[in-house]
């Protein structure tokens, strides 16, 4: 997943599934998984949020944190991808 010229690494299906499970099993009632690319580490990191409103904080993530970029958002329960604005 996500392999391309801007993001030279891909995410394995197993890793992606583990991130979904981690978010669903948290005591905090997370609803969404955000996948963030770290330029320096050249790695993807999961970020969990509880509401759609919190996603908007990350939509301009590249400007807020020059070394990280929001790549994708998924609903933890339906596993569907949420389009970025």
Protein backbone atom coordinates (compact mmCIF):
# COMPACT_ATOMS: atom_id res chain seq x y z
CA UNK A 1 0.00 0.00 0.00
CA UNK A 2 1.06 3.58 -0.78
CA UNK A 3 4.26 2.66 -2.60
CA UNK A 4 5.20 5.32 -5.14
CA UNK A 5 7.77 7.98 -6.02
CA UNK A 6 6.86 10.21 -3.05
CA UNK A 7 6.71 7.34 -0.56
CA UNK A 8 9.27 4.67 -1.45
CA UNK A 9 8.12 2.22 1.21
CA UNK A 10 4.95 0.25 1.28
CA UNK A 11 2.79 -0.95 4.16
CA UNK A 12 2.23 -4.67 4.45
CA UNK A 13 -1.31 -5.95 4.83
CA UNK A 14 -0.34 -7.46 8.20
CA UNK A 15 0.95 -4.13 9.53
CA UNK A 16 -2.15 -2.30 8.31
CA UNK A 17 -4.43 -4.90 9.94
CA UNK A 18 -2.46 -4.61 13.22
CA UNK A 19 -2.96 -0.83 13.20
CA UNK A 20 -6.71 -1.27 12.69
CA UNK A 21 -6.90 -3.80 15.52
CA UNK A 22 -4.82 -1.58 17.82
CA UNK A 23 -7.19 1.33 17.25
CA UNK A 24 -10.32 -0.78 17.74
CA UNK A 25 -9.03 -2.40 20.94
CA UNK A 26 -7.96 0.86 22.60
CA UNK A 27 -9.80 1.95 25.75
CA UNK A 28 -10.20 5.34 24.08
CA UNK A 29 -13.07 5.17 21.61
CA UNK A 30 -11.13 5.95 18.45
CA UNK A 31 -13.08 6.04 15.20
CA UNK A 32 -10.40 6.79 12.61
CA UNK A 33 -6.88 5.68 11.68
CA UNK A 34 -4.69 8.33 10.08
CA UNK A 35 -1.62 7.17 8.22
CA UNK A 36 1.24 9.67 8.44
CA UNK A 37 4.50 9.55 6.44
CA UNK A 38 7.65 10.68 8.29
CA UNK A 39 10.19 12.07 5.82
CA UNK A 40 13.21 11.70 8.10
CA UNK A 41 12.50 8.15 9.26
CA UNK A 42 11.04 7.20 5.85
CA UNK A 43 8.34 5.34 7.72
CA UNK A 44 4.57 5.33 8.05
CA UNK A 45 3.06 5.91 11.50
CA UNK A 46 -0.50 5.38 12.72
CA UNK A 47 -2.37 8.20 14.42
CA UNK A 48 -5.78 7.55 15.97
CA UNK A 49 -8.54 10.13 16.39
CA UNK A 50 -12.04 10.01 17.86
CA UNK A 51 -13.95 12.30 15.49
CA UNK A 52 -14.02 13.74 11.98
CA UNK A 53 -13.39 17.17 13.45
CA UNK A 54 -9.99 15.98 14.67
CA UNK A 55 -9.06 14.90 11.15
CA UNK A 56 -9.18 18.53 10.02
CA UNK A 57 -6.28 19.29 12.38
CA UNK A 58 -4.18 16.88 10.34
CA UNK A 59 -5.32 17.93 6.86
CA UNK A 60 -2.72 20.70 6.86
CA UNK A 61 -0.19 18.50 8.64
CA UNK A 62 2.63 19.06 6.12
CA UNK A 63 2.60 22.78 6.90
CA UNK A 64 2.40 22.17 10.64
CA UNK A 65 5.17 19.59 10.83
CA UNK A 66 7.57 19.80 7.90
CA UNK A 67 8.85 16.26 8.39
CA UNK A 68 5.44 14.55 8.32
CA UNK A 69 2.53 14.33 5.90
CA UNK A 70 -0.98 12.92 6.19
CA UNK A 71 -1.34 10.18 3.58
CA UNK A 72 -4.70 8.51 4.23
CA UNK A 73 -7.60 8.23 6.66
CA UNK A 74 -9.57 5.04 7.38
CA UNK A 75 -12.66 4.31 9.42
CA UNK A 76 -11.51 1.74 12.01
CA UNK A 77 -14.73 -0.26 11.92
CA UNK A 78 -15.83 -0.28 8.28
CA UNK A 79 -12.17 -0.19 7.15
CA UNK A 80 -13.22 2.17 4.37
CA UNK A 81 -10.92 4.93 3.21
CA UNK A 82 -12.13 8.47 3.96
CA UNK A 83 -11.37 10.99 1.18
CA UNK A 84 -9.11 13.88 2.16
CA UNK A 85 -10.40 17.36 1.35
